[in-house]
Amino acid sequence: MTVAEWSAGSLQFGAFFDWVSPQLDVSGNDNLPLIPPDRAGVSLEFTSDRLRANVDYVRASEQDDVAEFELPSDSYDDLRAPFGWPQRRSSRGDVLQPKRRLSVLPPHLPRRQLHLDLRCHPSNPRRQ
């Protein structure tokens, strides 16, 4: 859903919720294996002709309805903020390369993406 739009770009908002609730008619443990937890998420995306940036947040609930030989999982949060920019192209569609390049990477490695991954695992006082 577009929240704002102006000459420099646009801002969009999104949200989702998903869950799986399978049923199995057997005596004993009727939980099926490998069922994902309930999840809810929101996203905010800025798009322009020179930049694209997102902030995505997902909250997954704990999963304690597990089958035999499975372990329950705690709830978790996932926050991501990817960004990128388009490559310049010629009128024929070829990617334009700069005439001078300063790089510490060998020339055969791709230079299109930058990933920064920061993970925080707080201690859980219930497990001590």
N, C-alpha and C. Protein backbone atom coordinates (compact mmCIF):
# COMPACT_ATOMS: atom_id res chain seq x y z
N MET A 1 0.84 -1.15 0.00
CA MET A 1 0.00 0.00 0.00
C MET A 1 0.91 1.24 0.00
N THR A 2 0.69 2.13 -0.93
CA THR A 2 1.49 3.35 -1.02
C THR A 2 1.02 4.34 0.04
N VAL A 3 1.95 4.76 0.89
CA VAL A 3 1.65 5.69 1.97
C VAL A 3 1.86 7.13 1.51
N ALA A 4 2.95 7.37 0.79
CA ALA A 4 3.27 8.71 0.30
C ALA A 4 3.98 8.59 -1.03
N GLU A 5 3.76 9.57 -1.88
CA GLU A 5 4.42 9.59 -3.18
C GLU A 5 4.74 11.04 -3.53
N TRP A 6 5.98 11.27 -3.96
CA TRP A 6 6.41 12.59 -4.35
C TRP A 6 7.43 12.44 -5.47
N SER A 7 7.95 13.55 -5.98
CA SER A 7 8.83 13.49 -7.15
C SER A 7 10.12 12.73 -6.88
N ALA A 8 10.59 12.71 -5.65
CA ALA A 8 11.84 12.01 -5.33
C ALA A 8 11.65 10.50 -5.19
N GLY A 9 10.44 10.04 -4.98
CA GLY A 9 10.21 8.61 -4.82
C GLY A 9 8.89 8.33 -4.14
N SER A 10 8.76 7.12 -3.62
CA SER A 10 7.52 6.74 -2.95
C SER A 10 7.83 5.91 -1.71
N LEU A 11 6.88 5.91 -0.78
CA LEU A 11 6.99 5.17 0.46
C LEU A 11 5.81 4.22 0.53
N GLN A 12 6.12 2.94 0.75
CA GLN A 12 5.07 1.92 0.80
C GLN A 12 5.11 1.18 2.12
N PHE A 13 3.95 0.74 2.58
CA PHE A 13 3.80 0.00 3.82
C PHE A 13 3.17 -1.35 3.49
N GLY A 14 3.63 -2.40 4.17
CA GLY A 14 3.05 -3.72 3.98
C GLY A 14 2.97 -4.46 5.31
N ALA A 15 2.07 -5.42 5.39
CA ALA A 15 1.93 -6.23 6.61
C ALA A 15 1.46 -7.62 6.21
N PHE A 16 1.78 -8.61 7.05
CA PHE A 16 1.30 -9.96 6.78
C PHE A 16 1.15 -10.73 8.09
N PHE A 17 0.41 -11.80 8.02
CA PHE A 17 0.25 -12.74 9.12
C PHE A 17 0.06 -14.11 8.50
N ASP A 18 0.76 -15.11 9.01
CA ASP A 18 0.53 -16.46 8.51
C ASP A 18 0.59 -17.48 9.65
N TRP A 19 -0.17 -18.52 9.48
CA TRP A 19 -0.18 -19.61 10.46
C TRP A 19 -0.59 -20.89 9.76
N VAL A 20 -0.19 -21.99 10.36
CA VAL A 20 -0.53 -23.31 9.85
C VAL A 20 -1.16 -24.08 11.01
N SER A 21 -2.31 -24.68 10.77
CA SER A 21 -2.99 -25.44 11.82
C SER A 21 -3.48 -26.77 11.25
N PRO A 22 -2.57 -27.73 11.08
CA PRO A 22 -2.97 -29.02 10.50
C PRO A 22 -3.69 -29.90 11.53
N GLN A 23 -4.46 -30.83 11.05
CA GLN A 23 -5.20 -31.77 11.88
C GLN A 23 -4.81 -33.19 11.47
N LEU A 24 -4.65 -34.05 12.47
CA LEU A 24 -4.32 -35.45 12.21
C LEU A 24 -5.14 -36.29 13.17
N ASP A 25 -5.90 -37.26 12.66
CA ASP A 25 -6.76 -38.10 13.50
C ASP A 25 -6.07 -39.42 13.82
N VAL A 26 -5.30 -39.42 14.88
CA VAL A 26 -4.68 -40.64 15.39
C VAL A 26 -4.70 -40.57 16.91
N SER A 27 -4.53 -41.69 17.55
CA SER A 27 -4.46 -41.67 19.01
C SER A 27 -3.02 -41.36 19.41
N GLY A 28 -2.86 -40.65 20.52
CA GLY A 28 -1.51 -40.28 20.96
C GLY A 28 -1.18 -38.87 20.53
N ASN A 29 0.07 -38.64 20.15
CA ASN A 29 0.51 -37.31 19.72
C ASN A 29 0.00 -37.05 18.31
N ASP A 30 -0.96 -36.13 18.18
CA ASP A 30 -1.53 -35.84 16.86
C ASP A 30 -0.92 -34.60 16.21
N ASN A 31 0.24 -34.15 16.69
CA ASN A 31 0.94 -33.02 16.07
C ASN A 31 1.81 -33.51 14.92
N LEU A 32 1.70 -32.84 13.79
CA LEU A 32 2.52 -33.18 12.63
C LEU A 32 3.91 -32.57 12.78
N PRO A 33 4.94 -33.20 12.18
CA PRO A 33 6.30 -32.65 12.29
C PRO A 33 6.52 -31.45 11.37
N LEU A 34 7.51 -30.64 11.75
CA LEU A 34 7.99 -29.51 10.94
C LEU A 34 6.93 -28.47 10.62
N ILE A 35 6.07 -28.18 11.58
CA ILE A 35 5.06 -27.14 11.40
C ILE A 35 5.65 -25.82 11.87
N PRO A 36 5.68 -24.81 11.01
CA PRO A 36 6.28 -23.52 11.40
C PRO A 36 5.41 -22.78 12.42
N PRO A 37 6.01 -21.88 13.17
CA PRO A 37 5.23 -21.10 14.14
C PRO A 37 4.41 -20.01 13.45
N ASP A 38 3.45 -19.46 14.18
CA ASP A 38 2.70 -18.31 13.68
C ASP A 38 3.66 -17.14 13.52
N ARG A 39 3.46 -16.36 12.44
CA ARG A 39 4.34 -15.21 12.19
C ARG A 39 3.50 -13.99 11.80
N ALA A 40 3.98 -12.83 12.18
CA ALA A 40 3.38 -11.56 11.78
C ALA A 40 4.51 -10.61 11.43
N GLY A 41 4.28 -9.76 10.44
CA GLY A 41 5.35 -8.86 10.04
C GLY A 41 4.84 -7.59 9.41
N VAL A 42 5.70 -6.59 9.42
CA VAL A 42 5.42 -5.31 8.77
C VAL A 42 6.65 -4.89 7.99
N SER A 43 6.44 -4.07 6.97
CA SER A 43 7.57 -3.57 6.17
C SER A 43 7.28 -2.15 5.73
N LEU A 44 8.35 -1.41 5.57
CA LEU A 44 8.30 -0.05 5.07
C LEU A 44 9.37 0.04 3.98
N GLU A 45 8.98 0.51 2.80
CA GLU A 45 9.91 0.53 1.66
C GLU A 45 9.91 1.90 1.00
N PHE A 46 11.12 2.44 0.81
CA PHE A 46 11.29 3.68 0.05
C PHE A 46 11.89 3.31 -1.29
N THR A 47 11.31 3.81 -2.36
CA THR A 47 11.79 3.53 -3.71
C THR A 47 11.91 4.84 -4.48
N SER A 48 13.06 5.01 -5.14
CA SER A 48 13.25 6.14 -6.05
C SER A 48 14.05 5.62 -7.24
N ASP A 49 14.35 6.50 -8.18
CA ASP A 49 15.12 6.06 -9.34
C ASP A 49 16.59 5.83 -9.00
N ARG A 50 17.06 6.29 -7.84
CA ARG A 50 18.47 6.14 -7.46
C ARG A 50 18.69 5.24 -6.25
N LEU A 51 17.64 4.91 -5.50
CA LEU A 51 17.81 4.17 -4.25
C LEU A 51 16.56 3.36 -3.94
N ARG A 52 16.79 2.22 -3.30
CA ARG A 52 15.70 1.40 -2.78
C ARG A 52 16.11 0.93 -1.40
N ALA A 53 15.28 1.22 -0.39
CA ALA A 53 15.60 0.85 0.99
C ALA A 53 14.36 0.28 1.66
N ASN A 54 14.55 -0.77 2.44
CA ASN A 54 13.46 -1.42 3.16
C ASN A 54 13.80 -1.52 4.64
N VAL A 55 12.77 -1.58 5.46
CA VAL A 55 12.89 -2.00 6.85
C VAL A 55 11.80 -3.03 7.04
N ASP A 56 12.20 -4.26 7.35
CA ASP A 56 11.27 -5.37 7.51
C ASP A 56 11.39 -5.93 8.92
N TYR A 57 10.25 -6.17 9.57
CA TYR A 57 10.23 -6.74 10.91
C TYR A 57 9.28 -7.92 10.93
N VAL A 58 9.74 -9.05 11.45
CA VAL A 58 8.93 -10.27 11.56
C VAL A 58 9.00 -10.76 13.00
N ARG A 59 7.84 -11.09 13.56
CA ARG A 59 7.76 -11.69 14.89
C ARG A 59 7.18 -13.09 14.73
N ALA A 60 7.95 -14.07 15.19
CA ALA A 60 7.50 -15.47 15.15
C ALA A 60 7.22 -15.91 16.58
N SER A 61 6.07 -16.54 16.78
CA SER A 61 5.70 -16.98 18.12
C SER A 61 6.41 -18.30 18.45
N GLU A 62 6.35 -18.68 19.70
CA GLU A 62 6.96 -19.96 20.08
C GLU A 62 6.15 -21.10 19.49
N GLN A 63 6.81 -22.20 19.27
CA GLN A 63 6.15 -23.38 18.73
C GLN A 63 6.33 -24.52 19.73
N ASP A 64 5.26 -24.82 20.45
CA ASP A 64 5.35 -25.92 21.41
C ASP A 64 4.40 -27.06 21.08
N ASP A 65 3.69 -26.97 19.96
CA ASP A 65 2.88 -28.09 19.47
C ASP A 65 3.73 -28.90 18.51
N VAL A 66 4.60 -29.74 19.06
CA VAL A 66 5.58 -30.45 18.25
C VAL A 66 5.29 -31.94 18.23
N ALA A 67 5.76 -32.59 17.19
CA ALA A 67 5.60 -34.04 17.05
C ALA A 67 6.65 -34.75 17.91
N GLU A 68 6.54 -36.06 17.96
CA GLU A 68 7.53 -36.85 18.69
C GLU A 68 8.90 -36.64 18.07
N PHE A 69 9.93 -36.64 18.90
CA PHE A 69 11.33 -36.46 18.51
C PHE A 69 11.64 -35.05 18.01
N GLU A 70 10.76 -34.10 18.25
CA GLU A 70 11.03 -32.70 17.94
C GLU A 70 11.14 -31.91 19.23
N LEU A 71 11.84 -30.81 19.18
CA LEU A 71 11.98 -29.93 20.33
C LEU A 71 11.17 -28.66 20.11
N PRO A 72 10.57 -28.10 21.15
CA PRO A 72 9.87 -26.83 20.98
C PRO A 72 10.86 -25.70 20.70
N SER A 73 10.39 -24.65 20.06
CA SER A 73 11.26 -23.50 19.77
C SER A 73 10.69 -22.25 20.43
N ASP A 74 11.59 -21.37 20.85
CA ASP A 74 11.20 -20.10 21.44
C ASP A 74 10.73 -19.13 20.36
N SER A 75 10.06 -18.08 20.78
CA SER A 75 9.69 -17.03 19.85
C SER A 75 10.94 -16.23 19.48
N TYR A 76 10.87 -15.54 18.35
CA TYR A 76 12.02 -14.73 17.94
C TYR A 76 11.55 -13.54 17.11
N ASP A 77 12.41 -12.55 17.01
CA ASP A 77 12.19 -11.35 16.21
C ASP A 77 13.23 -11.30 15.11
N ASP A 78 12.84 -10.83 13.93
CA ASP A 78 13.75 -10.70 12.80
C ASP A 78 13.59 -9.30 12.22
N LEU A 79 14.63 -8.48 12.34
CA LEU A 79 14.62 -7.12 11.82
C LEU A 79 15.69 -7.02 10.74
N ARG A 80 15.29 -6.61 9.55
CA ARG A 80 16.22 -6.46 8.42
C ARG A 80 16.04 -5.10 7.79
N ALA A 81 17.14 -4.56 7.27
CA ALA A 81 17.10 -3.25 6.62
C ALA A 81 17.98 -3.28 5.37
N PRO A 82 17.54 -3.96 4.32
CA PRO A 82 18.33 -3.99 3.08
C PRO A 82 18.17 -2.69 2.29
N PHE A 83 19.18 -2.36 1.51
CA PHE A 83 19.11 -1.21 0.63
C PHE A 83 19.94 -1.50 -0.61
N GLY A 84 19.69 -0.77 -1.66
CA GLY A 84 20.45 -0.97 -2.90
C GLY A 84 20.21 0.18 -3.85
N TRP A 85 20.93 0.16 -4.93
CA TRP A 85 20.79 1.18 -5.95
C TRP A 85 20.97 0.51 -7.30
N PRO A 86 20.27 1.00 -8.32
CA PRO A 86 20.37 0.39 -9.65
C PRO A 86 21.70 0.71 -10.31
N GLN A 87 22.12 -0.18 -11.19
CA GLN A 87 23.33 0.07 -11.97
C GLN A 87 22.98 0.94 -13.17
N ARG A 88 23.91 1.79 -13.55
CA ARG A 88 23.70 2.60 -14.75
C ARG A 88 23.82 1.71 -15.98
N ARG A 89 22.96 1.95 -16.95
CA ARG A 89 22.97 1.16 -18.18
C ARG A 89 23.05 2.07 -19.39
N SER A 90 23.66 1.54 -20.46
CA SER A 90 23.74 2.29 -21.71
C SER A 90 22.41 2.17 -22.45
N SER A 91 22.30 2.86 -23.57
CA SER A 91 21.07 2.79 -24.36
C SER A 91 20.83 1.39 -24.92
N ARG A 92 21.89 0.57 -25.03
CA ARG A 92 21.74 -0.81 -25.51
C ARG A 92 21.42 -1.78 -24.39
N GLY A 93 21.41 -1.29 -23.14
CA GLY A 93 21.11 -2.16 -22.01
C GLY A 93 22.34 -2.73 -21.33
N ASP A 94 23.54 -2.39 -21.83
CA ASP A 94 24.77 -2.88 -21.21
C ASP A 94 25.03 -2.12 -19.90
N VAL A 95 25.60 -2.81 -18.92
CA VAL A 95 25.95 -2.16 -17.66
C VAL A 95 27.18 -1.30 -17.90
N LEU A 96 27.09 -0.02 -17.54
CA LEU A 96 28.22 0.89 -17.72
C LEU A 96 29.20 0.74 -16.57
N GLN A 97 30.45 0.62 -16.88
CA GLN A 97 31.50 0.51 -15.87
C GLN A 97 32.22 1.84 -15.76
N PRO A 98 32.59 2.26 -14.57
CA PRO A 98 33.35 3.50 -14.44
C PRO A 98 34.72 3.35 -15.08
N LYS A 99 35.29 4.47 -15.58
CA LYS A 99 36.60 4.42 -16.23
C LYS A 99 37.71 4.17 -15.22
N ARG A 100 37.58 4.74 -14.05
CA ARG A 100 38.57 4.51 -12.99
C ARG A 100 37.87 3.82 -11.84
N ARG A 101 38.56 2.88 -11.27
CA ARG A 101 37.94 2.10 -10.20
C ARG A 101 38.96 1.88 -9.10
N LEU A 102 38.54 2.13 -7.88
CA LEU A 102 39.37 1.85 -6.72
C LEU A 102 38.70 0.73 -5.95
N SER A 103 39.36 -0.39 -5.84
CA SER A 103 38.75 -1.53 -5.18
C SER A 103 39.83 -2.39 -4.55
N VAL A 104 39.50 -2.98 -3.41
CA VAL A 104 40.41 -3.93 -2.78
C VAL A 104 40.05 -5.36 -3.16
N LEU A 105 38.96 -5.52 -3.92
CA LEU A 105 38.53 -6.85 -4.35
C LEU A 105 39.09 -7.16 -5.73
N PRO A 106 39.36 -8.43 -6.01
CA PRO A 106 39.78 -8.79 -7.37
C PRO A 106 38.67 -8.44 -8.37
N PRO A 107 39.02 -8.14 -9.61
CA PRO A 107 38.02 -7.69 -10.59
C PRO A 107 36.97 -8.72 -10.95
N HIS A 108 37.21 -10.01 -10.71
CA HIS A 108 36.23 -11.02 -11.11
C HIS A 108 35.12 -11.21 -10.08
N LEU A 109 35.21 -10.60 -8.87
CA LEU A 109 34.16 -10.74 -7.87
C LEU A 109 33.05 -9.72 -8.11
N PRO A 110 31.79 -10.11 -7.89
CA PRO A 110 30.68 -9.18 -8.10
C PRO A 110 30.70 -8.06 -7.06
N ARG A 111 30.23 -6.88 -7.45
CA ARG A 111 30.21 -5.72 -6.54
C ARG A 111 28.80 -5.16 -6.42
N ARG A 112 27.78 -5.96 -6.53
CA ARG A 112 26.42 -5.45 -6.57
C ARG A 112 25.72 -5.43 -5.23
N GLN A 113 26.16 -6.21 -4.27
CA GLN A 113 25.43 -6.30 -3.02
C GLN A 113 26.34 -6.10 -1.83
N LEU A 114 25.77 -5.53 -0.81
CA LEU A 114 26.46 -5.37 0.46
C LEU A 114 25.54 -5.92 1.53
N HIS A 115 26.03 -6.88 2.30
CA HIS A 115 25.24 -7.49 3.36
C HIS A 115 25.91 -7.23 4.69
N LEU A 116 25.16 -6.72 5.61
CA LEU A 116 25.62 -6.53 6.97
C LEU A 116 24.66 -7.29 7.87
N ASP A 117 25.18 -8.24 8.61
CA ASP A 117 24.35 -9.11 9.43
C ASP A 117 24.75 -8.93 10.88
N LEU A 118 23.84 -8.43 11.69
CA LEU A 118 24.08 -8.23 13.11
C LEU A 118 23.04 -9.03 13.86
N ARG A 119 23.48 -9.94 14.69
CA ARG A 119 22.56 -10.80 15.42
C ARG A 119 22.74 -10.61 16.91
N CYS A 120 21.64 -10.56 17.60
CA CYS A 120 21.66 -10.38 19.04
C CYS A 120 20.89 -11.53 19.67
N HIS A 121 21.52 -12.25 20.56
CA HIS A 121 20.89 -13.38 21.23
C HIS A 121 20.86 -13.07 22.73
N PRO A 122 19.76 -12.50 23.21
CA PRO A 122 19.70 -12.20 24.64
C PRO A 122 19.60 -13.47 25.46
N SER A 123 20.09 -13.39 26.66
CA SER A 123 19.98 -14.55 27.53
C SER A 123 18.53 -14.74 27.94
N ASN A 124 18.14 -15.96 28.10
CA ASN A 124 16.78 -16.31 28.46
C ASN A 124 16.78 -16.78 29.91
N PRO A 125 16.22 -16.01 30.86
CA PRO A 125 16.28 -16.39 32.27
C PRO A 125 15.49 -17.65 32.57
N ARG A 126 14.54 -18.04 31.71
CA ARG A 126 13.76 -19.26 31.96
C ARG A 126 14.60 -20.52 31.79
N ARG A 127 15.68 -20.47 31.03
CA ARG A 127 16.46 -21.67 30.74
C ARG A 127 17.62 -21.88 31.69
N GLN A 128 17.80 -21.06 32.69
CA GLN A 128 18.94 -21.20 33.58
C GLN A 128 18.71 -22.23 34.65
